[in-house]
N, C-alpha and C. Protein backbone atom coordinates (compact mmCIF):
# COMPACT_ATOMS: atom_id res chain seq x y z
N UNK A 1 -141.21 46.58 -77.57
CA UNK A 1 -140.90 47.96 -77.89
C UNK A 1 -141.95 48.85 -77.26
N UNK A 2 -141.54 49.71 -76.37
CA UNK A 2 -142.46 50.65 -75.77
C UNK A 2 -142.63 51.88 -76.64
N UNK A 3 -143.81 52.08 -77.17
CA UNK A 3 -144.09 53.19 -78.10
C UNK A 3 -144.93 54.30 -77.48
N UNK A 4 -145.25 54.20 -76.20
CA UNK A 4 -146.15 55.19 -75.60
C UNK A 4 -145.47 56.51 -75.27
N UNK A 5 -144.15 56.57 -75.36
CA UNK A 5 -143.43 57.81 -75.08
C UNK A 5 -143.03 58.48 -76.40
N UNK A 6 -143.99 58.54 -77.30
CA UNK A 6 -143.82 59.17 -78.60
C UNK A 6 -144.89 60.25 -78.72
N UNK A 7 -144.47 61.50 -78.81
CA UNK A 7 -145.41 62.62 -78.83
C UNK A 7 -146.33 62.59 -80.04
N UNK A 8 -145.94 61.92 -81.10
CA UNK A 8 -146.79 61.83 -82.29
C UNK A 8 -147.89 60.79 -82.14
N UNK A 9 -147.63 59.77 -81.34
CA UNK A 9 -148.60 58.69 -81.22
C UNK A 9 -149.33 58.63 -79.90
N UNK A 10 -148.88 59.39 -78.92
CA UNK A 10 -149.50 59.33 -77.59
C UNK A 10 -149.92 60.72 -77.14
N UNK A 11 -151.22 60.93 -77.10
CA UNK A 11 -151.76 62.21 -76.64
C UNK A 11 -151.37 62.46 -75.18
N UNK A 12 -151.41 61.41 -74.36
CA UNK A 12 -151.08 61.55 -72.94
C UNK A 12 -149.63 62.03 -72.77
N UNK A 13 -148.71 61.42 -73.52
CA UNK A 13 -147.30 61.80 -73.43
C UNK A 13 -147.10 63.23 -73.93
N UNK A 14 -147.70 63.55 -75.07
CA UNK A 14 -147.58 64.90 -75.64
C UNK A 14 -148.11 65.95 -74.66
N UNK A 15 -149.26 65.69 -74.08
CA UNK A 15 -149.84 66.66 -73.13
C UNK A 15 -148.98 66.80 -71.88
N UNK A 16 -148.43 65.70 -71.40
CA UNK A 16 -147.53 65.77 -70.23
C UNK A 16 -146.32 66.62 -70.56
N UNK A 17 -145.77 66.45 -71.77
CA UNK A 17 -144.63 67.28 -72.18
C UNK A 17 -145.02 68.75 -72.25
N UNK A 18 -146.16 69.04 -72.86
CA UNK A 18 -146.61 70.43 -73.01
C UNK A 18 -146.81 71.10 -71.65
N UNK A 19 -147.18 70.31 -70.66
CA UNK A 19 -147.39 70.84 -69.31
C UNK A 19 -146.12 70.75 -68.46
N UNK A 20 -145.03 70.31 -69.05
CA UNK A 20 -143.77 70.10 -68.32
C UNK A 20 -143.97 69.18 -67.13
N UNK A 21 -144.83 68.19 -67.30
CA UNK A 21 -145.10 67.19 -66.27
C UNK A 21 -144.15 66.01 -66.50
N UNK A 22 -142.90 66.22 -66.14
CA UNK A 22 -141.86 65.24 -66.43
C UNK A 22 -142.04 63.97 -65.61
N UNK A 23 -142.64 64.07 -64.43
CA UNK A 23 -142.90 62.87 -63.63
C UNK A 23 -143.85 61.92 -64.36
N UNK A 24 -144.86 62.45 -65.02
CA UNK A 24 -145.77 61.60 -65.79
C UNK A 24 -145.03 60.96 -66.96
N UNK A 25 -144.17 61.72 -67.63
CA UNK A 25 -143.39 61.16 -68.74
C UNK A 25 -142.53 59.98 -68.27
N UNK A 26 -141.84 60.17 -67.15
CA UNK A 26 -141.01 59.09 -66.60
C UNK A 26 -141.87 57.90 -66.19
N UNK A 27 -143.00 58.18 -65.56
CA UNK A 27 -143.89 57.09 -65.14
C UNK A 27 -144.37 56.28 -66.34
N UNK A 28 -144.60 56.94 -67.47
CA UNK A 28 -145.02 56.23 -68.68
C UNK A 28 -143.91 55.30 -69.18
N UNK A 29 -142.68 55.75 -69.13
CA UNK A 29 -141.56 54.90 -69.54
C UNK A 29 -141.42 53.71 -68.59
N UNK A 30 -141.48 53.97 -67.31
CA UNK A 30 -141.36 52.89 -66.32
C UNK A 30 -142.48 51.86 -66.47
N UNK A 31 -143.68 52.32 -66.72
CA UNK A 31 -144.82 51.43 -66.88
C UNK A 31 -144.62 50.49 -68.08
N UNK A 32 -144.06 51.02 -69.14
CA UNK A 32 -143.80 50.18 -70.31
C UNK A 32 -142.79 49.08 -70.00
N UNK A 33 -141.77 49.42 -69.21
CA UNK A 33 -140.78 48.42 -68.81
C UNK A 33 -141.45 47.36 -67.92
N UNK A 34 -142.27 47.82 -67.00
CA UNK A 34 -142.98 46.92 -66.10
C UNK A 34 -143.87 45.95 -66.88
N UNK A 35 -144.42 46.42 -68.00
CA UNK A 35 -145.29 45.59 -68.83
C UNK A 35 -144.51 44.70 -69.82
N UNK A 36 -143.17 44.80 -69.80
CA UNK A 36 -142.37 43.90 -70.61
C UNK A 36 -141.60 44.51 -71.77
N UNK A 37 -141.65 45.80 -71.93
CA UNK A 37 -140.89 46.43 -73.03
C UNK A 37 -139.40 46.31 -72.76
N UNK A 38 -138.66 45.94 -73.78
CA UNK A 38 -137.21 45.81 -73.67
C UNK A 38 -136.48 47.05 -74.18
N UNK A 39 -137.20 47.91 -74.86
CA UNK A 39 -136.64 49.11 -75.47
C UNK A 39 -137.73 50.17 -75.45
N UNK A 40 -137.36 51.42 -75.12
CA UNK A 40 -138.33 52.50 -75.05
C UNK A 40 -138.08 53.47 -76.20
N UNK A 41 -139.08 53.60 -77.07
CA UNK A 41 -139.03 54.58 -78.16
C UNK A 41 -139.37 55.94 -77.57
N UNK A 42 -138.52 56.92 -77.80
CA UNK A 42 -138.79 58.26 -77.28
C UNK A 42 -138.73 59.25 -78.44
N UNK A 43 -139.84 59.96 -78.62
CA UNK A 43 -139.96 60.96 -79.67
C UNK A 43 -140.64 62.18 -79.09
N UNK A 44 -139.98 63.33 -79.20
CA UNK A 44 -140.55 64.58 -78.70
C UNK A 44 -140.96 65.50 -79.83
N UNK A 45 -140.85 65.05 -81.07
CA UNK A 45 -141.17 65.88 -82.24
C UNK A 45 -142.67 66.16 -82.33
N UNK A 46 -143.01 67.41 -82.37
CA UNK A 46 -144.36 67.83 -82.69
C UNK A 46 -144.30 69.30 -83.09
N UNK A 47 -145.25 69.72 -83.86
CA UNK A 47 -145.24 71.06 -84.44
C UNK A 47 -145.23 72.15 -83.38
N UNK A 48 -144.36 73.12 -83.59
CA UNK A 48 -144.34 74.30 -82.73
C UNK A 48 -143.56 74.17 -81.44
N UNK A 49 -142.82 73.10 -81.29
CA UNK A 49 -142.11 72.89 -80.03
C UNK A 49 -140.60 73.00 -80.23
N UNK A 50 -139.90 73.17 -79.14
CA UNK A 50 -138.44 73.18 -79.16
C UNK A 50 -137.97 71.76 -78.86
N UNK A 51 -137.72 70.99 -79.90
CA UNK A 51 -137.37 69.59 -79.75
C UNK A 51 -136.12 69.35 -78.94
N UNK A 52 -135.12 70.20 -79.11
CA UNK A 52 -133.87 70.02 -78.36
C UNK A 52 -134.14 70.20 -76.86
N UNK A 53 -134.85 71.24 -76.50
CA UNK A 53 -135.14 71.48 -75.07
C UNK A 53 -136.01 70.36 -74.50
N UNK A 54 -137.01 69.93 -75.27
CA UNK A 54 -137.86 68.84 -74.79
C UNK A 54 -137.08 67.55 -74.65
N UNK A 55 -136.21 67.25 -75.60
CA UNK A 55 -135.43 66.02 -75.52
C UNK A 55 -134.46 66.09 -74.35
N UNK A 56 -133.91 67.26 -74.09
CA UNK A 56 -133.02 67.43 -72.93
C UNK A 56 -133.75 67.04 -71.65
N UNK A 57 -134.97 67.52 -71.50
CA UNK A 57 -135.76 67.21 -70.31
C UNK A 57 -136.09 65.72 -70.22
N UNK A 58 -136.55 65.16 -71.32
CA UNK A 58 -137.00 63.76 -71.32
C UNK A 58 -135.81 62.79 -71.23
N UNK A 59 -134.83 62.95 -72.10
CA UNK A 59 -133.71 62.00 -72.13
C UNK A 59 -132.91 62.02 -70.84
N UNK A 60 -132.72 63.20 -70.26
CA UNK A 60 -131.95 63.26 -69.01
C UNK A 60 -132.65 62.48 -67.90
N UNK A 61 -133.96 62.47 -67.90
CA UNK A 61 -134.72 61.73 -66.90
C UNK A 61 -134.79 60.24 -67.23
N UNK A 62 -135.09 59.92 -68.48
CA UNK A 62 -135.19 58.51 -68.87
C UNK A 62 -133.85 57.80 -68.67
N UNK A 63 -132.75 58.49 -68.94
CA UNK A 63 -131.43 57.87 -68.83
C UNK A 63 -131.10 57.45 -67.40
N UNK A 64 -131.68 58.14 -66.44
CA UNK A 64 -131.38 57.83 -65.05
C UNK A 64 -132.54 57.20 -64.28
N UNK A 65 -133.76 57.25 -64.84
CA UNK A 65 -134.92 56.78 -64.09
C UNK A 65 -135.68 55.64 -64.77
N UNK A 66 -135.19 55.19 -65.91
CA UNK A 66 -135.80 54.05 -66.60
C UNK A 66 -134.71 53.01 -66.83
N UNK A 67 -135.06 51.76 -66.71
CA UNK A 67 -134.05 50.71 -66.82
C UNK A 67 -133.87 50.17 -68.24
N UNK A 68 -134.73 50.53 -69.15
CA UNK A 68 -134.65 50.00 -70.52
C UNK A 68 -133.81 50.94 -71.40
N UNK A 69 -133.13 50.38 -72.37
CA UNK A 69 -132.42 51.21 -73.35
C UNK A 69 -133.41 52.07 -74.14
N UNK A 70 -132.89 53.16 -74.71
CA UNK A 70 -133.74 54.08 -75.46
C UNK A 70 -133.51 53.99 -76.96
N UNK A 71 -134.61 54.09 -77.70
CA UNK A 71 -134.55 54.24 -79.15
C UNK A 71 -135.00 55.67 -79.44
N UNK A 72 -134.09 56.47 -79.95
CA UNK A 72 -134.33 57.88 -80.20
C UNK A 72 -134.98 58.03 -81.57
N UNK A 73 -136.12 58.69 -81.59
CA UNK A 73 -136.93 58.80 -82.80
C UNK A 73 -137.18 60.28 -83.08
N UNK A 74 -136.52 60.82 -84.08
CA UNK A 74 -136.69 62.22 -84.46
C UNK A 74 -136.26 62.40 -85.90
N UNK A 75 -136.77 63.43 -86.53
CA UNK A 75 -136.32 63.77 -87.88
C UNK A 75 -135.23 64.82 -87.84
N UNK A 76 -134.89 65.29 -86.65
CA UNK A 76 -133.92 66.37 -86.50
C UNK A 76 -132.65 65.89 -85.80
N UNK A 77 -131.51 66.04 -86.48
CA UNK A 77 -130.23 65.58 -85.93
C UNK A 77 -129.88 66.23 -84.59
N UNK A 78 -130.11 67.53 -84.38
CA UNK A 78 -129.79 68.11 -83.07
C UNK A 78 -130.60 67.48 -81.93
N UNK A 79 -131.82 67.07 -82.20
CA UNK A 79 -132.65 66.41 -81.19
C UNK A 79 -132.06 65.04 -80.86
N UNK A 80 -131.67 64.31 -81.90
CA UNK A 80 -131.05 62.99 -81.71
C UNK A 80 -129.75 63.14 -80.92
N UNK A 81 -128.93 64.09 -81.29
CA UNK A 81 -127.65 64.30 -80.61
C UNK A 81 -127.87 64.64 -79.13
N UNK A 82 -128.87 65.43 -78.83
CA UNK A 82 -129.17 65.77 -77.44
C UNK A 82 -129.48 64.50 -76.65
N UNK A 83 -130.32 63.64 -77.22
CA UNK A 83 -130.66 62.39 -76.53
C UNK A 83 -129.42 61.53 -76.34
N UNK A 84 -128.65 61.36 -77.39
CA UNK A 84 -127.47 60.49 -77.32
C UNK A 84 -126.48 60.97 -76.27
N UNK A 85 -126.40 62.27 -76.06
CA UNK A 85 -125.46 62.80 -75.07
C UNK A 85 -125.83 62.39 -73.64
N UNK A 86 -127.07 61.97 -73.42
CA UNK A 86 -127.52 61.57 -72.09
C UNK A 86 -127.47 60.06 -71.86
N UNK A 87 -127.38 59.29 -72.91
CA UNK A 87 -127.53 57.85 -72.81
C UNK A 87 -126.18 57.20 -72.53
N UNK A 88 -126.10 56.49 -71.42
CA UNK A 88 -124.85 55.86 -71.03
C UNK A 88 -124.57 54.55 -71.74
N UNK A 89 -125.59 53.78 -72.03
CA UNK A 89 -125.42 52.52 -72.73
C UNK A 89 -125.55 52.72 -74.22
N UNK A 90 -125.76 51.63 -74.91
CA UNK A 90 -125.89 51.70 -76.36
C UNK A 90 -127.31 52.09 -76.73
N UNK A 91 -127.44 53.18 -77.42
CA UNK A 91 -128.74 53.67 -77.85
C UNK A 91 -129.03 53.16 -79.25
N UNK A 92 -130.25 53.42 -79.70
CA UNK A 92 -130.68 53.09 -81.05
C UNK A 92 -131.27 54.36 -81.65
N UNK A 93 -130.90 54.65 -82.88
CA UNK A 93 -131.49 55.76 -83.62
C UNK A 93 -132.52 55.17 -84.57
N UNK A 94 -133.75 55.65 -84.49
CA UNK A 94 -134.85 55.11 -85.28
C UNK A 94 -135.08 55.93 -86.55
N UNK A 95 -135.64 55.26 -87.56
CA UNK A 95 -136.13 55.90 -88.78
C UNK A 95 -135.06 56.52 -89.67
N UNK A 96 -133.91 55.88 -89.75
CA UNK A 96 -132.86 56.33 -90.66
C UNK A 96 -133.27 55.90 -92.07
N UNK A 97 -133.19 56.84 -93.02
CA UNK A 97 -133.62 56.50 -94.38
C UNK A 97 -132.90 57.36 -95.42
N UNK A 98 -133.19 57.07 -96.68
CA UNK A 98 -132.56 57.76 -97.80
C UNK A 98 -133.46 58.82 -98.45
N UNK A 99 -134.46 59.28 -97.75
CA UNK A 99 -135.42 60.21 -98.32
C UNK A 99 -134.76 61.43 -98.96
N UNK A 100 -133.74 61.96 -98.32
CA UNK A 100 -133.02 63.14 -98.84
C UNK A 100 -131.77 62.75 -99.63
N UNK A 101 -131.56 61.47 -99.86
CA UNK A 101 -130.34 61.02 -100.51
C UNK A 101 -129.27 60.72 -99.48
N UNK A 102 -128.02 60.58 -99.96
CA UNK A 102 -126.94 60.19 -99.05
C UNK A 102 -125.78 61.18 -99.04
N UNK A 103 -126.00 62.36 -99.56
CA UNK A 103 -124.93 63.35 -99.62
C UNK A 103 -124.63 64.00 -98.28
N UNK A 104 -123.60 64.79 -98.29
CA UNK A 104 -123.19 65.53 -97.10
C UNK A 104 -124.32 66.46 -96.66
N UNK A 105 -124.60 66.47 -95.36
CA UNK A 105 -125.61 67.34 -94.81
C UNK A 105 -127.03 66.78 -94.83
N UNK A 106 -127.23 65.62 -95.45
CA UNK A 106 -128.56 65.01 -95.44
C UNK A 106 -128.82 64.41 -94.06
N UNK A 107 -130.09 64.05 -93.81
CA UNK A 107 -130.41 63.38 -92.55
C UNK A 107 -129.64 62.08 -92.42
N UNK A 108 -129.55 61.33 -93.51
CA UNK A 108 -128.80 60.07 -93.46
C UNK A 108 -127.37 60.33 -93.01
N UNK A 109 -126.73 61.31 -93.62
CA UNK A 109 -125.35 61.66 -93.24
C UNK A 109 -125.28 62.05 -91.77
N UNK A 110 -126.18 62.90 -91.34
CA UNK A 110 -126.17 63.36 -89.94
C UNK A 110 -126.39 62.21 -88.97
N UNK A 111 -127.40 61.38 -89.24
CA UNK A 111 -127.73 60.29 -88.32
C UNK A 111 -126.64 59.22 -88.28
N UNK A 112 -126.07 58.86 -89.43
CA UNK A 112 -125.02 57.85 -89.43
C UNK A 112 -123.74 58.38 -88.80
N UNK A 113 -123.47 59.66 -88.96
CA UNK A 113 -122.32 60.28 -88.28
C UNK A 113 -122.52 60.22 -86.77
N UNK A 114 -123.72 60.55 -86.30
CA UNK A 114 -124.01 60.47 -84.86
C UNK A 114 -123.93 59.03 -84.37
N UNK A 115 -124.43 58.09 -85.15
CA UNK A 115 -124.37 56.68 -84.76
C UNK A 115 -122.93 56.24 -84.56
N UNK A 116 -122.07 56.64 -85.47
CA UNK A 116 -120.66 56.29 -85.36
C UNK A 116 -120.03 56.95 -84.13
N UNK A 117 -120.30 58.23 -83.95
CA UNK A 117 -119.71 58.98 -82.84
C UNK A 117 -120.13 58.44 -81.48
N UNK A 118 -121.41 58.07 -81.34
CA UNK A 118 -121.93 57.65 -80.05
C UNK A 118 -122.04 56.13 -79.91
N UNK A 119 -121.66 55.38 -80.94
CA UNK A 119 -121.75 53.92 -80.87
C UNK A 119 -123.17 53.40 -80.89
N UNK A 120 -124.07 54.16 -81.49
CA UNK A 120 -125.49 53.77 -81.52
C UNK A 120 -125.78 52.80 -82.65
N UNK A 121 -126.76 51.97 -82.43
CA UNK A 121 -127.30 51.13 -83.49
C UNK A 121 -128.32 51.97 -84.25
N UNK A 122 -128.69 51.52 -85.44
CA UNK A 122 -129.71 52.24 -86.22
C UNK A 122 -130.79 51.28 -86.69
N UNK A 123 -132.01 51.81 -86.72
CA UNK A 123 -133.14 51.11 -87.33
C UNK A 123 -133.48 51.91 -88.57
N UNK A 124 -133.48 51.25 -89.70
CA UNK A 124 -133.73 51.95 -90.96
C UNK A 124 -135.13 51.68 -91.47
N UNK A 125 -135.68 52.69 -92.12
CA UNK A 125 -136.96 52.52 -92.79
C UNK A 125 -136.69 52.50 -94.29
N UNK A 126 -137.43 51.70 -94.99
CA UNK A 126 -137.20 51.50 -96.42
C UNK A 126 -137.81 52.63 -97.23
N UNK A 127 -137.20 53.77 -97.10
CA UNK A 127 -137.58 54.95 -97.86
C UNK A 127 -136.33 55.41 -98.60
N UNK A 128 -136.48 55.65 -99.89
CA UNK A 128 -135.37 56.19 -100.67
C UNK A 128 -135.81 57.52 -101.28
N UNK A 129 -135.03 58.03 -102.22
CA UNK A 129 -135.33 59.34 -102.82
C UNK A 129 -136.67 59.36 -103.55
N UNK A 130 -137.16 58.20 -103.96
CA UNK A 130 -138.43 58.10 -104.68
C UNK A 130 -139.60 58.10 -103.70
N UNK A 131 -139.41 57.52 -102.54
CA UNK A 131 -140.47 57.46 -101.54
C UNK A 131 -140.43 56.18 -100.74
N UNK A 132 -141.55 55.89 -100.07
CA UNK A 132 -141.68 54.69 -99.26
C UNK A 132 -141.72 53.46 -100.17
N UNK A 133 -140.82 52.52 -99.92
CA UNK A 133 -140.79 51.29 -100.73
C UNK A 133 -142.08 50.51 -100.51
N UNK A 134 -142.69 50.07 -101.62
CA UNK A 134 -143.97 49.38 -101.52
C UNK A 134 -143.95 47.95 -102.02
N UNK A 135 -142.85 47.53 -102.61
CA UNK A 135 -142.75 46.13 -103.03
C UNK A 135 -141.59 45.49 -102.29
N UNK A 136 -141.58 44.18 -102.26
CA UNK A 136 -140.50 43.46 -101.57
C UNK A 136 -139.15 43.79 -102.19
N UNK A 137 -139.06 43.79 -103.52
CA UNK A 137 -137.78 44.10 -104.18
C UNK A 137 -137.31 45.51 -103.87
N UNK A 138 -138.22 46.45 -103.89
CA UNK A 138 -137.89 47.84 -103.60
C UNK A 138 -137.41 47.97 -102.16
N UNK A 139 -138.07 47.31 -101.24
CA UNK A 139 -137.68 47.35 -99.83
C UNK A 139 -136.27 46.78 -99.64
N UNK A 140 -136.00 45.68 -100.30
CA UNK A 140 -134.67 45.06 -100.20
C UNK A 140 -133.61 46.01 -100.76
N UNK A 141 -133.88 46.63 -101.92
CA UNK A 141 -132.92 47.57 -102.52
C UNK A 141 -132.65 48.74 -101.58
N UNK A 142 -133.70 49.32 -101.01
CA UNK A 142 -133.53 50.46 -100.11
C UNK A 142 -132.75 50.05 -98.86
N UNK A 143 -133.13 48.92 -98.28
CA UNK A 143 -132.44 48.44 -97.07
C UNK A 143 -130.98 48.13 -97.35
N UNK A 144 -130.72 47.48 -98.47
CA UNK A 144 -129.34 47.14 -98.83
C UNK A 144 -128.51 48.40 -99.08
N UNK A 145 -129.11 49.39 -99.72
CA UNK A 145 -128.38 50.64 -99.98
C UNK A 145 -127.99 51.32 -98.67
N UNK A 146 -128.93 51.42 -97.74
CA UNK A 146 -128.63 52.04 -96.45
C UNK A 146 -127.56 51.24 -95.70
N UNK A 147 -127.72 49.92 -95.69
CA UNK A 147 -126.74 49.05 -95.03
C UNK A 147 -125.35 49.27 -95.61
N UNK A 148 -125.24 49.24 -96.93
CA UNK A 148 -123.93 49.36 -97.58
C UNK A 148 -123.28 50.70 -97.30
N UNK A 149 -124.07 51.78 -97.30
CA UNK A 149 -123.53 53.11 -96.99
C UNK A 149 -123.08 53.16 -95.53
N UNK A 150 -123.91 52.65 -94.64
CA UNK A 150 -123.59 52.69 -93.20
C UNK A 150 -122.29 51.94 -92.90
N UNK A 151 -122.12 50.79 -93.52
CA UNK A 151 -120.94 49.97 -93.25
C UNK A 151 -119.70 50.51 -93.96
N UNK A 152 -119.81 50.76 -95.27
CA UNK A 152 -118.64 51.15 -96.06
C UNK A 152 -118.19 52.59 -95.79
N UNK A 153 -119.13 53.51 -95.74
CA UNK A 153 -118.77 54.93 -95.62
C UNK A 153 -118.60 55.39 -94.17
N UNK A 154 -119.42 54.86 -93.27
CA UNK A 154 -119.41 55.35 -91.89
C UNK A 154 -118.76 54.36 -90.91
N UNK A 155 -118.46 53.17 -91.37
CA UNK A 155 -117.78 52.21 -90.52
C UNK A 155 -118.65 51.59 -89.44
N UNK A 156 -119.96 51.61 -89.62
CA UNK A 156 -120.83 50.97 -88.63
C UNK A 156 -120.71 49.45 -88.75
N UNK A 157 -120.87 48.79 -87.63
CA UNK A 157 -120.83 47.33 -87.63
C UNK A 157 -122.12 46.79 -88.25
N UNK A 158 -122.04 45.81 -89.11
CA UNK A 158 -123.24 45.27 -89.76
C UNK A 158 -124.03 44.30 -88.90
N UNK A 159 -123.85 44.35 -87.59
CA UNK A 159 -124.58 43.47 -86.68
C UNK A 159 -124.85 44.25 -85.40
N UNK A 160 -125.64 43.65 -84.50
CA UNK A 160 -125.96 44.35 -83.25
C UNK A 160 -124.83 44.29 -82.26
């Protein structure tokens, strides 16, 4: 998993984005593939930025200039949708959780709707309305709840 193209975890990537140095951003994705990454995590979320515009710039380039599939990592559904609109193969949406619950208009609802529409896989984090699961039983309950909602309500396939 290539994690260096995440604005929250990589100062180099964040600074390249802030400078609109898209060639450096692409080079970072390519380097991760060269080093053996099978999937590239891409996150443009950071305070004070236009995530949709940044994702448009990054995803449009990664989709055509990187050979690895993308895992879209954002807390904002419009940012995720922008990325998914550029990805020709099967994408992955990262960090799907129950933090806001499972009702209409929640992040879970938005992300699972996008996953269904674009045929994306999802990676879920064991967070529910109470918070980050900290015990094995709690993690299993949170994961099972997300799985059951994704499959029963949104029609996602329960396998890759």
